[in-house]
Amino acid sequence: MKYNLDNYFKIYGSINNHITIEKILMSCGIAIAPYSSIDKNNFSFYADPGKVKFYLGCGLPIVITDVPPITH
């Protein structure tokens, strides 16, 4: 890889076990929650995403786009 990002990022793919996910997140330094559009026709504009709450519960700082209401 050109920028050698493999040393900093790990992609796990789909994990269906919440205990495993929690263990992984507890070892991370930051969470990323990108949402693609501020368009009011987009479901994410009105959503209350559980992902963000799960990240907060793991004590992670979150980088999130300004789409779902929880960002405020």
PDB file of N, CA and C in Angstrom:
ATOM      1  N   MET A   1       0.845  -1.179   0.000  1.00  0.00           N
ATOM      2  CA  MET A   1       0.000   0.000   0.000  1.00  0.00           C
ATOM      3  C   MET A   1       0.894   1.248   0.000  1.00  0.00           C
ATOM      4  N   LYS A   2       0.505   2.244  -0.748  1.00  0.00           N
ATOM      5  CA  LYS A   2       1.329   3.431  -0.942  1.00  0.00           C
ATOM      6  C   LYS A   2       1.662   4.151   0.370  1.00  0.00           C
ATOM      7  N   TYR A   3       0.674   4.306   1.263  1.00  0.00           N
ATOM      8  CA  TYR A   3       0.890   5.065   2.490  1.00  0.00           C
ATOM      9  C   TYR A   3       1.107   4.181   3.714  1.00  0.00           C
ATOM     10  N   ASN A   4       1.197   2.883   3.522  1.00  0.00           N
ATOM     11  CA  ASN A   4       1.450   1.920   4.598  1.00  0.00           C
ATOM     12  C   ASN A   4       0.406   2.032   5.719  1.00  0.00           C
ATOM     13  N   LEU A   5      -0.856   2.198   5.351  1.00  0.00           N
ATOM     14  CA  LEU A   5      -1.936   2.337   6.328  1.00  0.00           C
ATOM     15  C   LEU A   5      -2.295   1.027   7.006  1.00  0.00           C
ATOM     16  N   ASP A   6      -1.819  -0.087   6.476  1.00  0.00           N
ATOM     17  CA  ASP A   6      -2.102  -1.386   7.084  1.00  0.00           C
ATOM     18  C   ASP A   6      -1.614  -1.450   8.532  1.00  0.00           C
ATOM     19  N   ASN A   7      -0.637  -0.641   8.874  1.00  0.00           N
ATOM     20  CA  ASN A   7      -0.142  -0.624  10.247  1.00  0.00           C
ATOM     21  C   ASN A   7      -1.091   0.095  11.197  1.00  0.00           C
ATOM     22  N   TYR A   8      -2.057   0.841  10.662  1.00  0.00           N
ATOM     23  CA  TYR A   8      -2.931   1.666  11.488  1.00  0.00           C
ATOM     24  C   TYR A   8      -4.405   1.278  11.428  1.00  0.00           C
ATOM     25  N   PHE A   9      -4.815   0.585  10.378  1.00  0.00           N
ATOM     26  CA  PHE A   9      -6.217   0.224  10.188  1.00  0.00           C
ATOM     27  C   PHE A   9      -6.353  -1.272  10.010  1.00  0.00           C
ATOM     28  N   LYS A  10      -7.451  -1.808  10.533  1.00  0.00           N
ATOM     29  CA  LYS A  10      -7.751  -3.215  10.357  1.00  0.00           C
ATOM     30  C   LYS A  10      -9.219  -3.342   9.969  1.00  0.00           C
ATOM     31  N   ILE A  11      -9.492  -4.026   8.877  1.00  0.00           N
ATOM     32  CA  ILE A  11     -10.866  -4.236   8.428  1.00  0.00           C
ATOM     33  C   ILE A  11     -11.248  -5.672   8.773  1.00  0.00           C
ATOM     34  N   TYR A  12     -12.298  -5.814   9.579  1.00  0.00           N
ATOM     35  CA  TYR A  12     -12.732  -7.122  10.049  1.00  0.00           C
ATOM     36  C   TYR A  12     -13.830  -7.730   9.193  1.00  0.00           C
ATOM     37  N   GLY A  13     -14.594  -6.919   8.487  1.00  0.00           N
ATOM     38  CA  GLY A  13     -15.739  -7.436   7.750  1.00  0.00           C
ATOM     39  C   GLY A  13     -16.922  -7.594   8.689  1.00  0.00           C
ATOM     40  N   SER A  14     -17.805  -8.501   8.388  1.00  0.00           N
ATOM     41  CA  SER A  14     -19.024  -8.694   9.176  1.00  0.00           C
ATOM     42  C   SER A  14     -18.742  -9.537  10.432  1.00  0.00           C
ATOM     43  N   ILE A  15     -19.132  -9.005  11.583  1.00  0.00           N
ATOM     44  CA  ILE A  15     -19.002  -9.732  12.851  1.00  0.00           C
ATOM     45  C   ILE A  15     -20.375  -9.709  13.510  1.00  0.00           C
ATOM     46  N   ASN A  16     -20.926 -10.862  13.822  1.00  0.00           N
ATOM     47  CA  ASN A  16     -22.283 -10.946  14.357  1.00  0.00           C
ATOM     48  C   ASN A  16     -22.337 -11.118  15.866  1.00  0.00           C
ATOM     49  N   ASN A  17     -21.215 -11.197  16.520  1.00  0.00           N
ATOM     50  CA  ASN A  17     -21.174 -11.422  17.959  1.00  0.00           C
ATOM     51  C   ASN A  17     -20.856 -10.103  18.673  1.00  0.00           C
ATOM     52  N   HIS A  18     -21.816  -9.591  19.462  1.00  0.00           N
ATOM     53  CA  HIS A  18     -21.628  -8.285  20.112  1.00  0.00           C
ATOM     54  C   HIS A  18     -20.491  -8.283  21.126  1.00  0.00           C
ATOM     55  N   ILE A  19     -20.227  -9.405  21.755  1.00  0.00           N
ATOM     56  CA  ILE A  19     -19.116  -9.475  22.718  1.00  0.00           C
ATOM     57  C   ILE A  19     -17.792  -9.306  21.984  1.00  0.00           C
ATOM     58  N   THR A  20     -17.654  -9.938  20.838  1.00  0.00           N
ATOM     59  CA  THR A  20     -16.439  -9.794  20.026  1.00  0.00           C
ATOM     60  C   THR A  20     -16.289  -8.359  19.550  1.00  0.00           C
ATOM     61  N   ILE A  21     -17.385  -7.767  19.095  1.00  0.00           N
ATOM     62  CA  ILE A  21     -17.344  -6.379  18.628  1.00  0.00           C
ATOM     63  C   ILE A  21     -16.923  -5.457  19.770  1.00  0.00           C
ATOM     64  N   GLU A  22     -17.486  -5.662  20.946  1.00  0.00           N
ATOM     65  CA  GLU A  22     -17.144  -4.827  22.094  1.00  0.00           C
ATOM     66  C   GLU A  22     -15.666  -4.951  22.453  1.00  0.00           C
ATOM     67  N   LYS A  23     -15.127  -6.143  22.416  1.00  0.00           N
ATOM     68  CA  LYS A  23     -13.702  -6.344  22.714  1.00  0.00           C
ATOM     69  C   LYS A  23     -12.826  -5.617  21.699  1.00  0.00           C
ATOM     70  N   ILE A  24     -13.211  -5.688  20.440  1.00  0.00           N
ATOM     71  CA  ILE A  24     -12.446  -4.999  19.396  1.00  0.00           C
ATOM     72  C   ILE A  24     -12.502  -3.487  19.620  1.00  0.00           C
ATOM     73  N   LEU A  25     -13.705  -2.969  19.856  1.00  0.00           N
ATOM     74  CA  LEU A  25     -13.858  -1.522  20.037  1.00  0.00           C
ATOM     75  C   LEU A  25     -13.118  -1.020  21.269  1.00  0.00           C
ATOM     76  N   MET A  26     -13.092  -1.806  22.323  1.00  0.00           N
ATOM     77  CA  MET A  26     -12.407  -1.382  23.543  1.00  0.00           C
ATOM     78  C   MET A  26     -10.900  -1.265  23.332  1.00  0.00           C
ATOM     79  N   SER A  27     -10.390  -1.885  22.264  1.00  0.00           N
ATOM     80  CA  SER A  27      -8.958  -1.794  21.980  1.00  0.00           C
ATOM     81  C   SER A  27      -8.643  -0.679  20.973  1.00  0.00           C
ATOM     82  N   CYS A  28      -9.673   0.015  20.496  1.00  0.00           N
ATOM     83  CA  CYS A  28      -9.492   1.070  19.494  1.00  0.00           C
ATOM     84  C   CYS A  28      -9.253   2.422  20.154  1.00  0.00           C
ATOM     85  N   GLY A  29      -8.785   3.358  19.367  1.00  0.00           N
ATOM     86  CA  GLY A  29      -8.523   4.698  19.863  1.00  0.00           C
ATOM     87  C   GLY A  29      -9.563   5.716  19.439  1.00  0.00           C
ATOM     88  N   ILE A  30     -10.325   5.398  18.388  1.00  0.00           N
ATOM     89  CA  ILE A  30     -11.309   6.344  17.862  1.00  0.00           C
ATOM     90  C   ILE A  30     -12.350   5.574  17.055  1.00  0.00           C
ATOM     91  N   ALA A  31     -13.563   6.120  16.992  1.00  0.00           N
ATOM     92  CA  ALA A  31     -14.626   5.523  16.184  1.00  0.00           C
ATOM     93  C   ALA A  31     -14.996   6.494  15.067  1.00  0.00           C
ATOM     94  N   ILE A  32     -15.383   5.930  13.933  1.00  0.00           N
ATOM     95  CA  ILE A  32     -15.775   6.745  12.790  1.00  0.00           C
ATOM     96  C   ILE A  32     -17.203   6.367  12.410  1.00  0.00           C
ATOM     97  N   ALA A  33     -18.075   7.374  12.303  1.00  0.00           N
ATOM     98  CA  ALA A  33     -19.475   7.140  11.942  1.00  0.00           C
ATOM     99  C   ALA A  33     -19.871   8.080  10.805  1.00  0.00           C
ATOM    100  N   PRO A  34     -19.511   7.712   9.579  1.00  0.00           N
ATOM    101  CA  PRO A  34     -19.839   8.581   8.441  1.00  0.00           C
ATOM    102  C   PRO A  34     -21.259   8.338   7.923  1.00  0.00           C
ATOM    103  N   TYR A  35     -21.963   9.402   7.657  1.00  0.00           N
ATOM    104  CA  TYR A  35     -23.273   9.326   7.021  1.00  0.00           C
ATOM    105  C   TYR A  35     -23.196  10.184   5.771  1.00  0.00           C
ATOM    106  N   SER A  36     -23.810   9.741   4.686  1.00  0.00           N
ATOM    107  CA  SER A  36     -23.501  10.283   3.367  1.00  0.00           C
ATOM    108  C   SER A  36     -24.232  11.546   2.948  1.00  0.00           C
ATOM    109  N   SER A  37     -25.337  11.921   3.575  1.00  0.00           N
ATOM    110  CA  SER A  37     -26.078  13.047   3.028  1.00  0.00           C
ATOM    111  C   SER A  37     -26.860  13.796   4.095  1.00  0.00           C
ATOM    112  N   ILE A  38     -26.992  15.100   3.904  1.00  0.00           N
ATOM    113  CA  ILE A  38     -27.825  15.905   4.800  1.00  0.00           C
ATOM    114  C   ILE A  38     -29.209  16.095   4.167  1.00  0.00           C
ATOM    115  N   ASP A  39     -29.461  15.440   3.064  1.00  0.00           N
ATOM    116  CA  ASP A  39     -30.744  15.507   2.368  1.00  0.00           C
ATOM    117  C   ASP A  39     -31.865  15.014   3.279  1.00  0.00           C
ATOM    118  N   LYS A  40     -32.909  15.810   3.449  1.00  0.00           N
ATOM    119  CA  LYS A  40     -34.006  15.434   4.342  1.00  0.00           C
ATOM    120  C   LYS A  40     -34.806  14.237   3.833  1.00  0.00           C
ATOM    121  N   ASN A  41     -34.577  13.809   2.607  1.00  0.00           N
ATOM    122  CA  ASN A  41     -35.222  12.601   2.088  1.00  0.00           C
ATOM    123  C   ASN A  41     -34.439  11.350   2.445  1.00  0.00           C
ATOM    124  N   ASN A  42     -33.264  11.511   3.025  1.00  0.00           N
ATOM    125  CA  ASN A  42     -32.414  10.394   3.427  1.00  0.00           C
ATOM    126  C   ASN A  42     -32.830   9.922   4.822  1.00  0.00           C
ATOM    127  N   PHE A  43     -33.023   8.626   4.983  1.00  0.00           N
ATOM    128  CA  PHE A  43     -33.439   8.056   6.274  1.00  0.00           C
ATOM    129  C   PHE A  43     -32.493   8.438   7.401  1.00  0.00           C
ATOM    130  N   SER A  44     -31.208   8.527   7.125  1.00  0.00           N
ATOM    131  CA  SER A  44     -30.212   8.836   8.157  1.00  0.00           C
ATOM    132  C   SER A  44     -30.438  10.209   8.790  1.00  0.00           C
ATOM    133  N   PHE A  45     -31.092  11.107   8.061  1.00  0.00           N
ATOM    134  CA  PHE A  45     -31.353  12.445   8.592  1.00  0.00           C
ATOM    135  C   PHE A  45     -32.258  12.374   9.829  1.00  0.00           C
ATOM    136  N   TYR A  46     -33.144  11.382   9.886  1.00  0.00           N
ATOM    137  CA  TYR A  46     -34.093  11.238  10.985  1.00  0.00           C
ATOM    138  C   TYR A  46     -33.741  10.098  11.935  1.00  0.00           C
ATOM    139  N   ALA A  47     -32.717   9.362  11.645  1.00  0.00           N
ATOM    140  CA  ALA A  47     -32.372   8.160  12.405  1.00  0.00           C
ATOM    141  C   ALA A  47     -31.752   8.478  13.761  1.00  0.00           C
ATOM    142  N   ASP A  48     -31.846   7.529  14.647  1.00  0.00           N
ATOM    143  CA  ASP A  48     -31.175   7.585  15.942  1.00  0.00           C
ATOM    144  C   ASP A  48     -30.242   6.369  15.980  1.00  0.00           C
ATOM    145  N   PRO A  49     -29.058   6.496  15.390  1.00  0.00           N
ATOM    146  CA  PRO A  49     -28.205   5.332  15.171  1.00  0.00           C
ATOM    147  C   PRO A  49     -27.663   4.712  16.461  1.00  0.00           C
ATOM    148  N   GLY A  50     -27.859   3.419  16.597  1.00  0.00           N
ATOM    149  CA  GLY A  50     -27.349   2.685  17.746  1.00  0.00           C
ATOM    150  C   GLY A  50     -25.838   2.563  17.729  1.00  0.00           C
ATOM    151  N   LYS A  51     -25.260   2.592  16.531  1.00  0.00           N
ATOM    152  CA  LYS A  51     -23.810   2.472  16.385  1.00  0.00           C
ATOM    153  C   LYS A  51     -23.089   3.551  17.196  1.00  0.00           C
ATOM    154  N   VAL A  52     -23.584   4.772  17.133  1.00  0.00           N
ATOM    155  CA  VAL A  52     -22.956   5.887  17.831  1.00  0.00           C
ATOM    156  C   VAL A  52     -23.035   5.684  19.348  1.00  0.00           C
ATOM    157  N   LYS A  53     -24.173   5.224  19.827  1.00  0.00           N
ATOM    158  CA  LYS A  53     -24.342   4.973  21.264  1.00  0.00           C
ATOM    159  C   LYS A  53     -23.433   3.841  21.729  1.00  0.00           C
ATOM    160  N   PHE A  54     -23.265   2.840  20.889  1.00  0.00           N
ATOM    161  CA  PHE A  54     -22.376   1.721  21.215  1.00  0.00           C
ATOM    162  C   PHE A  54     -20.933   2.204  21.319  1.00  0.00           C
ATOM    163  N   TYR A  55     -20.525   3.065  20.393  1.00  0.00           N
ATOM    164  CA  TYR A  55     -19.185   3.648  20.433  1.00  0.00           C
ATOM    165  C   TYR A  55     -18.983   4.448  21.717  1.00  0.00           C
ATOM    166  N   LEU A  56     -19.971   5.268  22.071  1.00  0.00           N
ATOM    167  CA  LEU A  56     -19.888   6.062  23.298  1.00  0.00           C
ATOM    168  C   LEU A  56     -19.806   5.162  24.517  1.00  0.00           C
ATOM    169  N   GLY A  57     -20.580   4.081  24.516  1.00  0.00           N
ATOM    170  CA  GLY A  57     -20.562   3.128  25.625  1.00  0.00           C
ATOM    171  C   GLY A  57     -19.204   2.463  25.801  1.00  0.00           C
ATOM    172  N   CYS A  58     -18.449   2.373  24.724  1.00  0.00           N
ATOM    173  CA  CYS A  58     -17.094   1.810  24.780  1.00  0.00           C
ATOM    174  C   CYS A  58     -16.060   2.876  25.127  1.00  0.00           C
ATOM    175  N   GLY A  59     -16.508   4.109  25.340  1.00  0.00           N
ATOM    176  CA  GLY A  59     -15.605   5.187  25.736  1.00  0.00           C
ATOM    177  C   GLY A  59     -14.782   5.775  24.614  1.00  0.00           C
ATOM    178  N   LEU A  60     -15.236   5.590  23.381  1.00  0.00           N
ATOM    179  CA  LEU A  60     -14.458   6.070  22.238  1.00  0.00           C
ATOM    180  C   LEU A  60     -14.855   7.482  21.827  1.00  0.00           C
ATOM    181  N   PRO A  61     -13.882   8.319  21.488  1.00  0.00           N
ATOM    182  CA  PRO A  61     -14.226   9.582  20.832  1.00  0.00           C
ATOM    183  C   PRO A  61     -14.712   9.249  19.419  1.00  0.00           C
ATOM    184  N   ILE A  62     -15.662  10.028  18.928  1.00  0.00           N
ATOM    185  CA  ILE A  62     -16.287   9.702  17.642  1.00  0.00           C
ATOM    186  C   ILE A  62     -16.099  10.845  16.647  1.00  0.00           C
ATOM    187  N   VAL A  63     -15.673  10.492  15.449  1.00  0.00           N
ATOM    188  CA  VAL A  63     -15.680  11.412  14.320  1.00  0.00           C
ATOM    189  C   VAL A  63     -16.933  11.053  13.541  1.00  0.00           C
ATOM    190  N   ILE A  64     -17.888  12.012  13.478  1.00  0.00           N
ATOM    191  CA  ILE A  64     -19.180  11.737  12.859  1.00  0.00           C
ATOM    192  C   ILE A  64     -19.564  12.887  11.937  1.00  0.00           C
ATOM    193  N   THR A  65     -20.205  12.550  10.829  1.00  0.00           N
ATOM    194  CA  THR A  65     -20.696  13.586   9.928  1.00  0.00           C
ATOM    195  C   THR A  65     -21.946  14.225  10.530  1.00  0.00           C
ATOM    196  N   ASP A  66     -22.243  15.428  10.119  1.00  0.00           N
ATOM    197  CA  ASP A  66     -23.338  16.192  10.679  1.00  0.00           C
ATOM    198  C   ASP A  66     -24.666  15.840   9.995  1.00  0.00           C
ATOM    199  N   VAL A  67     -25.109  14.594  10.135  1.00  0.00           N
ATOM    200  CA  VAL A  67     -26.349  14.164   9.524  1.00  0.00           C
ATOM    201  C   VAL A  67     -27.390  13.754  10.565  1.00  0.00           C
ATOM    202  N   PRO A  68     -27.160  12.712  11.361  1.00  0.00           N
ATOM    203  CA  PRO A  68     -28.204  12.323  12.331  1.00  0.00           C
ATOM    204  C   PRO A  68     -28.278  13.320  13.500  1.00  0.00           C
ATOM    205  N   PRO A  69     -29.449  13.454  14.092  1.00  0.00           N
ATOM    206  CA  PRO A  69     -29.635  14.413  15.195  1.00  0.00           C
ATOM    207  C   PRO A  69     -28.694  14.210  16.385  1.00  0.00           C
ATOM    208  N   ILE A  70     -28.221  13.014  16.598  1.00  0.00           N
ATOM    209  CA  ILE A  70     -27.331  12.744  17.743  1.00  0.00           C
ATOM    210  C   ILE A  70     -26.028  13.533  17.660  1.00  0.00           C
ATOM    211  N   THR A  71     -25.687  14.038  16.483  1.00  0.00           N
ATOM    212  CA  THR A  71     -24.438  14.810  16.354  1.00  0.00           C
ATOM    213  C   THR A  71     -24.490  16.112  17.116  1.00  0.00           C
ATOM    214  N   HIS A  72     -25.688  16.587  17.401  1.00  0.00           N
ATOM    215  CA  HIS A  72     -25.830  17.842  18.135  1.00  0.00           C
ATOM    216  C   HIS A  72     -25.899  17.579  19.619  1.00  0.00           C
TER     217      HIS A  72
END
